[in-house]
Amino acid sequence: LVDATGQSTFLAVRLGLKQQDPNLRMASVWTYFQGAHRDSGKDEGATIILQTPGKTSWFWYIPLPDDVVSVGCTGRLEDLFAEREASPADVFARHRERCPALQRRLAHATRVREFFVTKDFSYRTAVGAGPGWVLVGDALGFIDPVYSSGVFLALRSGEMAADAIHAALVAGDVSAERLGGWQRMFSQGVDRFRRLVYAFYDPRFSFGRFLREFPHHKGRMADILMGRVFQQDIEDMFRDMRNERGEATGA
């Protein structure tokens, strides 16, 4: 049995395996606009991240076909919905006012869809496989939308699970160990994305400052963002990031 039910997490919920990430209690509010500004040339379809002061929230800005742009605001749950009675439109407007770059891009735009909301979407599962079953994609876990890693990780988990399932059926062994043997390496790769997300939300950490201080890590940072997280030995970069964050936070 392959659980590919996405964020419904069918088996994880029923087996009590789902674990929310206490460091990423986030929420997102998003909608769609027409007539918003688009960059020219090769950057016309580029996804843009726009942060508000103090990293209290950030906006994604994703150009889509037919002159439509997806715009979403993500931040800590307690910050976005500090006012319990605030509507999604109120939350979006409040943070939009704190992001001049987004205001400029939406100056002549018209909203064409309602607002959508999702909360507490960062989680993992305590166990990813059992006798005769395995979890893949978002049914196995989800980190955060900031680096757009979700589809990549979902597809990669599916590939790795497919190889394990084939080998298990050939061997006549559908044990948890056989079906989930790939998940340790997969979890290590996911954890590398997760550590980048933690750094992104740290208000006193700057990727720009870090890469100026450690320019030899630029290539490794690019490799991770391109999905090369499963084979490379990049722990020295994370050690330097950890030290930088520790100095910045006084830890």
C-alpha atoms as a PDB file:
ATOM      1  CA  LEU A   1       0.000   0.000   0.000  1.00  0.00           C
ATOM      2  CA  VAL A   2       1.442   3.364  -1.054  1.00  0.00           C
ATOM      3  CA  ASP A   3       0.009   6.374   0.762  1.00  0.00           C
ATOM      4  CA  ALA A   4       0.223   9.266  -1.704  1.00  0.00           C
ATOM      5  CA  THR A   5      -2.691  11.189  -0.178  1.00  0.00           C
ATOM      6  CA  GLY A   6      -0.706  14.407   0.164  1.00  0.00           C
ATOM      7  CA  GLN A   7      -1.416  16.709   3.078  1.00  0.00           C
ATOM      8  CA  SER A   8      -4.464  14.637   3.975  1.00  0.00           C
ATOM      9  CA  THR A   9      -1.811  12.273   5.454  1.00  0.00           C
ATOM     10  CA  PHE A  10      -4.297   9.399   5.553  1.00  0.00           C
ATOM     11  CA  LEU A  11      -2.166   6.738   7.235  1.00  0.00           C
ATOM     12  CA  ALA A  12      -0.062   9.074   9.374  1.00  0.00           C
ATOM     13  CA  VAL A  13      -3.177  10.537  11.006  1.00  0.00           C
ATOM     14  CA  ARG A  14      -4.797   7.156  11.619  1.00  0.00           C
ATOM     15  CA  LEU A  15      -1.614   5.584  12.975  1.00  0.00           C
ATOM     16  CA  GLY A  16      -0.696   8.592  15.121  1.00  0.00           C
ATOM     17  CA  LEU A  17       2.554   9.207  13.233  1.00  0.00           C
ATOM     18  CA  LYS A  18       2.149  12.856  12.233  1.00  0.00           C
ATOM     19  CA  GLN A  19       4.382  15.348  14.075  1.00  0.00           C
ATOM     20  CA  GLN A  20       4.005  19.111  13.673  1.00  0.00           C
ATOM     21  CA  ASP A  21       7.252  21.073  13.533  1.00  0.00           C
ATOM     22  CA  PRO A  22       7.229  23.318  16.644  1.00  0.00           C
ATOM     23  CA  ASN A  23       9.756  25.652  15.001  1.00  0.00           C
ATOM     24  CA  LEU A  24       7.541  26.258  11.966  1.00  0.00           C
ATOM     25  CA  ARG A  25       4.073  27.134  13.225  1.00  0.00           C
ATOM     26  CA  MET A  26       3.208  28.996  10.038  1.00  0.00           C
ATOM     27  CA  ALA A  27       0.194  30.155   8.056  1.00  0.00           C
ATOM     28  CA  SER A  28      -0.321  31.416   4.509  1.00  0.00           C
ATOM     29  CA  VAL A  29      -2.944  33.692   2.956  1.00  0.00           C
ATOM     30  CA  TRP A  30      -2.987  33.941  -0.827  1.00  0.00           C
ATOM     31  CA  THR A  31      -4.991  35.093  -3.805  1.00  0.00           C
ATOM     32  CA  TYR A  32      -4.607  35.931  -7.517  1.00  0.00           C
ATOM     33  CA  PHE A  33      -4.276  39.204  -9.439  1.00  0.00           C
ATOM     34  CA  GLN A  34      -4.429  40.315 -13.056  1.00  0.00           C
ATOM     35  CA  GLY A  35      -2.568  43.301 -14.445  1.00  0.00           C
ATOM     36  CA  ALA A  36       0.254  43.104 -11.905  1.00  0.00           C
ATOM     37  CA  HIS A  37       3.782  44.119 -12.841  1.00  0.00           C
ATOM     38  CA  ARG A  38       5.959  41.544 -14.571  1.00  0.00           C
ATOM     39  CA  ASP A  39       9.687  41.800 -15.097  1.00  0.00           C
ATOM     40  CA  SER A  40      10.905  41.803 -18.677  1.00  0.00           C
ATOM     41  CA  GLY A  41      12.978  39.322 -20.622  1.00  0.00           C
ATOM     42  CA  LYS A  42      14.079  36.048 -19.097  1.00  0.00           C
ATOM     43  CA  ASP A  43      12.846  37.139 -15.647  1.00  0.00           C
ATOM     44  CA  GLU A  44       9.238  37.600 -16.764  1.00  0.00           C
ATOM     45  CA  GLY A  45       8.138  34.287 -15.278  1.00  0.00           C
ATOM     46  CA  ALA A  46      10.509  34.229 -12.321  1.00  0.00           C
ATOM     47  CA  THR A  47       9.144  33.557  -8.843  1.00  0.00           C
ATOM     48  CA  ILE A  48      10.036  36.368  -6.446  1.00  0.00           C
ATOM     49  CA  ILE A  49      10.264  36.400  -2.644  1.00  0.00           C
ATOM     50  CA  LEU A  50       9.568  39.733  -0.940  1.00  0.00           C
ATOM     51  CA  GLN A  51      10.177  40.055   2.803  1.00  0.00           C
ATOM     52  CA  THR A  52       8.637  42.490   5.251  1.00  0.00           C
ATOM     53  CA  PRO A  53      10.830  44.289   7.828  1.00  0.00           C
ATOM     54  CA  GLY A  54      12.118  42.084  10.625  1.00  0.00           C
ATOM     55  CA  LYS A  55      11.246  38.919   8.677  1.00  0.00           C
ATOM     56  CA  THR A  56       7.836  38.847  10.332  1.00  0.00           C
ATOM     57  CA  SER A  57       6.339  37.699   7.028  1.00  0.00           C
ATOM     58  CA  TRP A  58       7.181  37.239   3.369  1.00  0.00           C
ATOM     59  CA  PHE A  59       5.286  37.229   0.081  1.00  0.00           C
ATOM     60  CA  TRP A  60       5.601  34.878  -2.836  1.00  0.00           C
ATOM     61  CA  TYR A  61       4.981  36.425  -6.237  1.00  0.00           C
ATOM     62  CA  ILE A  62       4.491  33.814  -8.973  1.00  0.00           C
ATOM     63  CA  PRO A  63       3.638  34.890 -12.546  1.00  0.00           C
ATOM     64  CA  LEU A  64       1.154  32.509 -14.204  1.00  0.00           C
ATOM     65  CA  PRO A  65      -0.375  32.322 -17.713  1.00  0.00           C
ATOM     66  CA  ASP A  66      -3.061  34.763 -18.899  1.00  0.00           C
ATOM     67  CA  ASP A  67      -1.567  37.757 -17.066  1.00  0.00           C
ATOM     68  CA  VAL A  68      -2.369  36.197 -13.675  1.00  0.00           C
ATOM     69  CA  VAL A  69      -0.035  36.363 -10.684  1.00  0.00           C
ATOM     70  CA  SER A  70      -0.301  34.250  -7.531  1.00  0.00           C
ATOM     71  CA  VAL A  71       0.548  36.342  -4.470  1.00  0.00           C
ATOM     72  CA  GLY A  72       0.701  34.839  -1.006  1.00  0.00           C
ATOM     73  CA  CYS A  73       1.740  35.984   2.445  1.00  0.00           C
ATOM     74  CA  THR A  74       3.415  33.532   4.834  1.00  0.00           C
ATOM     75  CA  GLY A  75       4.386  34.149   8.437  1.00  0.00           C
ATOM     76  CA  ARG A  76       4.211  32.767  11.917  1.00  0.00           C
ATOM     77  CA  LEU A  77       0.704  31.800  12.881  1.00  0.00           C
ATOM     78  CA  GLU A  78       0.662  33.976  15.984  1.00  0.00           C
ATOM     79  CA  ASP A  79       1.790  37.007  13.964  1.00  0.00           C
ATOM     80  CA  LEU A  80      -0.457  36.627  10.931  1.00  0.00           C
ATOM     81  CA  PHE A  81      -3.557  35.938  12.987  1.00  0.00           C
ATOM     82  CA  ALA A  82      -2.692  37.935  16.094  1.00  0.00           C
ATOM     83  CA  GLU A  83      -6.129  39.517  15.762  1.00  0.00           C
ATOM     84  CA  ARG A  84      -8.417  36.512  15.968  1.00  0.00           C
ATOM     85  CA  GLU A  85     -11.312  38.276  14.292  1.00  0.00           C
ATOM     86  CA  ALA A  86      -9.248  39.479  11.332  1.00  0.00           C
ATOM     87  CA  SER A  87     -10.396  38.181   7.961  1.00  0.00           C
ATOM     88  CA  PRO A  88      -7.918  36.759   5.429  1.00  0.00           C
ATOM     89  CA  ALA A  89      -8.346  39.973   3.422  1.00  0.00           C
ATOM     90  CA  ASP A  90      -7.461  42.027   6.518  1.00  0.00           C
ATOM     91  CA  VAL A  91      -4.362  39.913   7.190  1.00  0.00           C
ATOM     92  CA  PHE A  92      -3.194  40.207   3.582  1.00  0.00           C
ATOM     93  CA  ALA A  93      -3.790  43.967   3.504  1.00  0.00           C
ATOM     94  CA  ARG A  94      -1.991  44.560   6.815  1.00  0.00           C
ATOM     95  CA  HIS A  95       1.173  42.814   5.651  1.00  0.00           C
ATOM     96  CA  ARG A  96       0.942  44.254   2.152  1.00  0.00           C
ATOM     97  CA  GLU A  97       1.162  47.712   3.733  1.00  0.00           C
ATOM     98  CA  ARG A  98       4.489  46.669   5.245  1.00  0.00           C
ATOM     99  CA  CYS A  99       5.953  45.624   1.881  1.00  0.00           C
ATOM    100  CA  PRO A 100       6.515  48.620  -0.445  1.00  0.00           C
ATOM    101  CA  ALA A 101       8.009  46.408  -3.169  1.00  0.00           C
ATOM    102  CA  LEU A 102       4.778  44.416  -3.352  1.00  0.00           C
ATOM    103  CA  GLN A 103       2.682  47.565  -3.308  1.00  0.00           C
ATOM    104  CA  ARG A 104       4.519  48.809  -6.392  1.00  0.00           C
ATOM    105  CA  ARG A 105       3.988  45.538  -8.238  1.00  0.00           C
ATOM    106  CA  LEU A 106       0.265  45.489  -7.451  1.00  0.00           C
ATOM    107  CA  ALA A 107      -0.354  49.215  -7.969  1.00  0.00           C
ATOM    108  CA  HIS A 108      -2.415  48.670 -11.150  1.00  0.00           C
ATOM    109  CA  ALA A 109      -3.558  45.098 -10.493  1.00  0.00           C
ATOM    110  CA  THR A 110      -7.052  43.728  -9.898  1.00  0.00           C
ATOM    111  CA  ARG A 111      -7.746  40.815  -7.587  1.00  0.00           C
ATOM    112  CA  VAL A 112      -9.573  38.072  -9.515  1.00  0.00           C
ATOM    113  CA  ARG A 113     -10.031  35.309  -6.925  1.00  0.00           C
ATOM    114  CA  GLU A 114     -11.067  34.962  -3.305  1.00  0.00           C
ATOM    115  CA  PHE A 115      -8.524  34.617  -0.498  1.00  0.00           C
ATOM    116  CA  PHE A 116      -7.293  31.169   0.531  1.00  0.00           C
ATOM    117  CA  VAL A 117      -5.822  30.177   3.900  1.00  0.00           C
ATOM    118  CA  THR A 118      -3.760  27.261   5.164  1.00  0.00           C
ATOM    119  CA  LYS A 119      -2.226  26.841   8.622  1.00  0.00           C
ATOM    120  CA  ASP A 120       0.229  24.567  10.452  1.00  0.00           C
ATOM    121  CA  PHE A 121       1.456  22.925   7.266  1.00  0.00           C
ATOM    122  CA  SER A 122       4.968  21.976   8.455  1.00  0.00           C
ATOM    123  CA  TYR A 123       5.159  18.385   9.683  1.00  0.00           C
ATOM    124  CA  ARG A 124       6.975  15.092   9.446  1.00  0.00           C
ATOM    125  CA  THR A 125       6.078  11.492  10.285  1.00  0.00           C
ATOM    126  CA  ALA A 126       7.661   9.439  13.047  1.00  0.00           C
ATOM    127  CA  VAL A 127       7.755   6.351  10.802  1.00  0.00           C
ATOM    128  CA  GLY A 128       7.569   6.329   7.011  1.00  0.00           C
ATOM    129  CA  ALA A 129       7.009   2.651   6.309  1.00  0.00           C
ATOM    130  CA  GLY A 130       5.578  -0.488   7.863  1.00  0.00           C
ATOM    131  CA  PRO A 131       4.788  -4.087   6.888  1.00  0.00           C
ATOM    132  CA  GLY A 132       3.240  -3.788   3.429  1.00  0.00           C
ATOM    133  CA  TRP A 133       2.897   0.023   3.396  1.00  0.00           C
ATOM    134  CA  VAL A 134       4.996   3.099   2.677  1.00  0.00           C
ATOM    135  CA  LEU A 135       4.441   6.878   2.714  1.00  0.00           C
ATOM    136  CA  VAL A 136       5.520   9.168  -0.130  1.00  0.00           C
ATOM    137  CA  GLY A 137       5.259  12.857  -0.989  1.00  0.00           C
ATOM    138  CA  ASP A 138       3.379  15.151   1.364  1.00  0.00           C
ATOM    139  CA  ALA A 139       1.923  12.084   3.076  1.00  0.00           C
ATOM    140  CA  LEU A 140       5.453  11.595   4.426  1.00  0.00           C
ATOM    141  CA  GLY A 141       6.091  15.230   5.349  1.00  0.00           C
ATOM    142  CA  PHE A 142       6.159  18.863   4.268  1.00  0.00           C
ATOM    143  CA  ILE A 143       8.526  21.654   5.279  1.00  0.00           C
ATOM    144  CA  ASP A 144       7.559  25.108   4.033  1.00  0.00           C
ATOM    145  CA  PRO A 145       6.751  26.831   0.734  1.00  0.00           C
ATOM    146  CA  VAL A 146       9.672  29.268   0.853  1.00  0.00           C
ATOM    147  CA  TYR A 147      12.137  27.301  -1.310  1.00  0.00           C
ATOM    148  CA  SER A 148       9.480  25.556  -3.418  1.00  0.00           C
ATOM    149  CA  SER A 149      10.967  22.187  -2.438  1.00  0.00           C
ATOM    150  CA  GLY A 150       7.649  20.359  -2.052  1.00  0.00           C
ATOM    151  CA  VAL A 151       7.165  19.019  -5.584  1.00  0.00           C
ATOM    152  CA  PHE A 152      10.835  18.067  -5.926  1.00  0.00           C
ATOM    153  CA  LEU A 153      10.856  16.153  -2.634  1.00  0.00           C
ATOM    154  CA  ALA A 154       7.525  14.489  -3.405  1.00  0.00           C
ATOM    155  CA  LEU A 155       8.768  13.236  -6.778  1.00  0.00           C
ATOM    156  CA  ARG A 156      12.106  12.123  -5.357  1.00  0.00           C
ATOM    157  CA  SER A 157      10.423  10.179  -2.561  1.00  0.00           C
ATOM    158  CA  GLY A 158       8.197   8.500  -5.142  1.00  0.00           C
ATOM    159  CA  GLU A 159      11.212   7.437  -7.201  1.00  0.00           C
ATOM    160  CA  MET A 160      13.052   6.072  -4.184  1.00  0.00           C
ATOM    161  CA  ALA A 161       9.955   4.280  -2.900  1.00  0.00           C
ATOM    162  CA  ALA A 162       9.300   2.739  -6.329  1.00  0.00           C
ATOM    163  CA  ASP A 163      12.789   1.228  -6.389  1.00  0.00           C
ATOM    164  CA  ALA A 164      12.302  -0.134  -2.867  1.00  0.00           C
ATOM    165  CA  ILE A 165       8.883  -1.587  -3.700  1.00  0.00           C
ATOM    166  CA  HIS A 166      10.226  -3.312  -6.815  1.00  0.00           C
ATOM    167  CA  ALA A 167      13.109  -4.819  -4.856  1.00  0.00           C
ATOM    168  CA  ALA A 168      10.750  -5.898  -2.068  1.00  0.00           C
ATOM    169  CA  LEU A 169       8.375  -7.668  -4.443  1.00  0.00           C
ATOM    170  CA  VAL A 170      11.228  -9.417  -6.234  1.00  0.00           C
ATOM    171  CA  ALA A 171      12.623 -10.583  -2.884  1.00  0.00           C
ATOM    172  CA  GLY A 172       9.213 -11.495  -1.504  1.00  0.00           C
ATOM    173  CA  ASP A 173       9.933  -9.306   1.515  1.00  0.00           C
ATOM    174  CA  VAL A 174       7.582  -6.383   2.180  1.00  0.00           C
ATOM    175  CA  SER A 175       8.852  -5.646   5.671  1.00  0.00           C
ATOM    176  CA  ALA A 176       9.180  -2.116   7.013  1.00  0.00           C
ATOM    177  CA  GLU A 177      12.957  -2.413   6.773  1.00  0.00           C
ATOM    178  CA  ARG A 178      12.833  -3.341   3.097  1.00  0.00           C
ATOM    179  CA  LEU A 179      10.158  -0.824   2.054  1.00  0.00           C
ATOM    180  CA  GLY A 180      11.581   2.043   4.095  1.00  0.00           C
ATOM    181  CA  GLY A 181      15.284   1.441   3.650  1.00  0.00           C
ATOM    182  CA  TRP A 182      15.631   4.577   1.516  1.00  0.00           C
ATOM    183  CA  GLN A 183      14.054   6.913   4.050  1.00  0.00           C
ATOM    184  CA  ARG A 184      17.102   7.546   6.206  1.00  0.00           C
ATOM    185  CA  MET A 185      19.000   9.072   3.280  1.00  0.00           C
ATOM    186  CA  PHE A 186      15.862  10.891   2.160  1.00  0.00           C
ATOM    187  CA  SER A 187      15.358  12.360   5.645  1.00  0.00           C
ATOM    188  CA  GLN A 188      18.934  13.650   5.650  1.00  0.00           C
ATOM    189  CA  GLY A 189      18.250  15.533   2.429  1.00  0.00           C
ATOM    190  CA  VAL A 190      14.973  16.910   3.756  1.00  0.00           C
ATOM    191  CA  ASP A 191      16.745  18.039   6.913  1.00  0.00           C
ATOM    192  CA  ARG A 192      19.146  20.107   4.819  1.00  0.00           C
ATOM    193  CA  PHE A 193      16.240  21.978   3.277  1.00  0.00           C
ATOM    194  CA  ARG A 194      14.721  22.341   6.745  1.00  0.00           C
ATOM    195  CA  ARG A 195      17.857  23.957   8.149  1.00  0.00           C
ATOM    196  CA  LEU A 196      17.813  26.510   5.332  1.00  0.00           C
ATOM    197  CA  VAL A 197      14.192  27.279   6.190  1.00  0.00           C
ATOM    198  CA  TYR A 198      15.046  27.759   9.870  1.00  0.00           C
ATOM    199  CA  ALA A 199      17.788  30.204   8.858  1.00  0.00           C
ATOM    200  CA  PHE A 200      15.434  32.053   6.501  1.00  0.00           C
ATOM    201  CA  TYR A 201      13.027  32.762   9.365  1.00  0.00           C
ATOM    202  CA  ASP A 202      15.763  33.758  11.828  1.00  0.00           C
ATOM    203  CA  PRO A 203      15.361  37.574  12.036  1.00  0.00           C
ATOM    204  CA  ARG A 204      19.025  38.076  12.908  1.00  0.00           C
ATOM    205  CA  PHE A 205      20.513  35.859  10.213  1.00  0.00           C
ATOM    206  CA  SER A 206      21.320  37.203   6.750  1.00  0.00           C
ATOM    207  CA  PHE A 207      22.159  34.916   3.837  1.00  0.00           C
ATOM    208  CA  GLY A 208      23.808  37.855   2.086  1.00  0.00           C
ATOM    209  CA  ARG A 209      26.074  38.544   5.055  1.00  0.00           C
ATOM    210  CA  PHE A 210      26.827  34.846   5.472  1.00  0.00           C
ATOM    211  CA  LEU A 211      27.882  34.401   1.833  1.00  0.00           C
ATOM    212  CA  ARG A 212      30.012  37.542   1.954  1.00  0.00           C
ATOM    213  CA  GLU A 213      31.814  36.106   4.969  1.00  0.00           C
ATOM    214  CA  PHE A 214      32.010  32.584   3.516  1.00  0.00           C
ATOM    215  CA  PRO A 215      32.065  33.087  -0.285  1.00  0.00           C
ATOM    216  CA  HIS A 216      33.353  29.530  -0.845  1.00  0.00           C
ATOM    217  CA  HIS A 217      29.896  28.255   0.181  1.00  0.00           C
ATOM    218  CA  LYS A 218      28.060  29.971  -2.690  1.00  0.00           C
ATOM    219  CA  GLY A 219      28.253  26.912  -4.916  1.00  0.00           C
ATOM    220  CA  ARG A 220      27.046  24.595  -2.178  1.00  0.00           C
ATOM    221  CA  MET A 221      24.147  26.878  -1.361  1.00  0.00           C
ATOM    222  CA  ALA A 222      23.155  26.876  -5.029  1.00  0.00           C
ATOM    223  CA  ASP A 223      23.458  23.082  -5.149  1.00  0.00           C
ATOM    224  CA  ILE A 224      21.025  22.681  -2.256  1.00  0.00           C
ATOM    225  CA  LEU A 225      18.502  25.055  -3.771  1.00  0.00           C
ATOM    226  CA  MET A 226      18.721  23.050  -7.015  1.00  0.00           C
ATOM    227  CA  GLY A 227      17.919  19.873  -5.087  1.00  0.00           C
ATOM    228  CA  ARG A 228      21.369  18.319  -4.755  1.00  0.00           C
ATOM    229  CA  VAL A 229      20.816  17.430  -1.121  1.00  0.00           C
ATOM    230  CA  PHE A 230      21.182  13.648  -0.984  1.00  0.00           C
ATOM    231  CA  GLN A 231      24.781  12.884  -1.969  1.00  0.00           C
ATOM    232  CA  GLN A 232      27.000  15.853  -1.249  1.00  0.00           C
ATOM    233  CA  ASP A 233      28.959  16.293   1.945  1.00  0.00           C
ATOM    234  CA  ILE A 234      27.919  19.832   2.815  1.00  0.00           C
ATOM    235  CA  GLU A 235      27.909  19.662   6.594  1.00  0.00           C
ATOM    236  CA  ASP A 236      30.779  22.139   6.858  1.00  0.00           C
ATOM    237  CA  MET A 237      28.542  24.820   5.341  1.00  0.00           C
ATOM    238  CA  PHE A 238      25.828  24.094   7.878  1.00  0.00           C
ATOM    239  CA  ARG A 239      28.407  24.174  10.665  1.00  0.00           C
ATOM    240  CA  ASP A 240      29.426  27.668   9.585  1.00  0.00           C
ATOM    241  CA  MET A 241      25.764  28.677   9.320  1.00  0.00           C
ATOM    242  CA  ARG A 242      25.117  27.337  12.801  1.00  0.00           C
ATOM    243  CA  ASN A 243      28.065  29.280  14.186  1.00  0.00           C
ATOM    244  CA  GLU A 244      26.925  32.429  12.389  1.00  0.00           C
ATOM    245  CA  ARG A 245      23.396  32.068  13.751  1.00  0.00           C
ATOM    246  CA  GLY A 246      24.756  31.358  17.214  1.00  0.00           C
ATOM    247  CA  GLU A 247      26.838  34.536  17.149  1.00  0.00           C
ATOM    248  CA  ALA A 248      23.889  36.524  15.801  1.00  0.00           C
ATOM    249  CA  THR A 249      21.449  35.252  18.401  1.00  0.00           C
ATOM    250  CA  GLY A 250      23.834  35.131  21.330  1.00  0.00           C
ATOM    251  CA  ALA A 251      23.318  31.373  21.664  1.00  0.00           C
END
